[in-house]
Amino acid sequence: MSQATLFHNPLIRWGMPVTGAAVAIGIAFFILDDRTVQLAIVGVAALHLLVTPQILKRAAREA
């Protein structure tokens, strides 16, 4: 019998990357001055927001 993990909950799967992306975007706009670096961090945060839930979903399926 398979035991449910936290990753089975969609709120956890999406909440983790949302908070990480929010922190990264906050740092990009409130601390950094270089526009190119800000946009690069926003791009990485967007990628993190889209890819991480899929990886966590796969991890939940295989757990």
Protein backbone atom coordinates (compact mmCIF):
# COMPACT_ATOMS: atom_id res chain seq x y z
CA MET A 1 0.00 0.00 0.00
CA SER A 2 1.34 3.40 -1.00
CA GLN A 3 1.63 6.06 1.65
CA ALA A 4 0.54 9.59 0.69
CA THR A 5 3.30 12.19 0.80
CA LEU A 6 3.07 15.95 0.97
CA PHE A 7 3.76 16.09 -2.76
CA HIS A 8 0.37 14.53 -3.51
CA ASN A 9 -1.23 17.80 -2.37
CA PRO A 10 -1.40 20.34 -5.23
CA LEU A 11 -1.18 23.24 -2.77
CA ILE A 12 2.23 22.00 -1.68
CA ARG A 13 3.37 21.27 -5.24
CA TRP A 14 2.45 24.78 -6.41
CA GLY A 15 3.04 26.65 -3.15
CA MET A 16 6.71 25.78 -2.92
CA PRO A 17 7.68 27.25 -6.30
CA VAL A 18 5.36 30.25 -5.86
CA THR A 19 7.10 31.28 -2.66
CA GLY A 20 10.54 30.66 -4.13
CA ALA A 21 9.71 32.67 -7.25
CA ALA A 22 8.24 35.50 -5.16
CA VAL A 23 11.42 35.71 -3.07
CA ALA A 24 13.62 35.70 -6.18
CA ILE A 25 11.54 38.40 -7.90
CA GLY A 26 11.50 40.48 -4.72
CA ILE A 27 15.29 40.30 -4.49
CA ALA A 28 15.59 41.12 -8.19
CA PHE A 29 13.53 44.28 -8.02
CA PHE A 30 14.24 45.59 -4.53
CA ILE A 31 17.95 44.84 -4.17
CA LEU A 32 19.50 44.61 -7.64
CA ASP A 33 19.94 47.60 -9.95
CA ASP A 34 21.02 46.03 -13.23
CA ARG A 35 17.99 45.61 -15.52
CA THR A 36 19.52 42.67 -17.39
CA VAL A 37 20.16 40.74 -14.18
CA GLN A 38 16.63 41.54 -12.98
CA LEU A 39 15.12 40.13 -16.17
CA ALA A 40 17.35 37.05 -15.99
CA ILE A 41 16.18 36.36 -12.44
CA VAL A 42 12.54 36.83 -13.46
CA GLY A 43 13.12 34.31 -16.27
CA VAL A 44 14.65 31.79 -13.89
CA ALA A 45 11.79 32.35 -11.43
CA ALA A 46 9.23 31.75 -14.19
CA LEU A 47 11.00 28.56 -15.20
CA HIS A 48 11.09 27.47 -11.57
CA LEU A 49 7.36 28.21 -11.27
CA LEU A 50 6.51 26.06 -14.29
CA VAL A 51 8.93 23.13 -13.95
CA THR A 52 9.05 22.44 -10.20
CA PRO A 53 5.39 21.36 -9.81
CA GLN A 54 5.84 18.85 -12.63
CA ILE A 55 8.93 17.39 -10.99
CA LEU A 56 7.18 17.19 -7.61
CA LYS A 57 4.17 15.53 -9.25
CA ARG A 58 6.44 12.89 -10.74
CA ALA A 59 8.14 12.41 -7.38
CA ALA A 60 4.74 11.92 -5.71
CA ARG A 61 3.73 9.39 -8.33
CA GLU A 62 6.91 7.36 -7.83
CA ALA A 63 6.91 7.58 -4.02
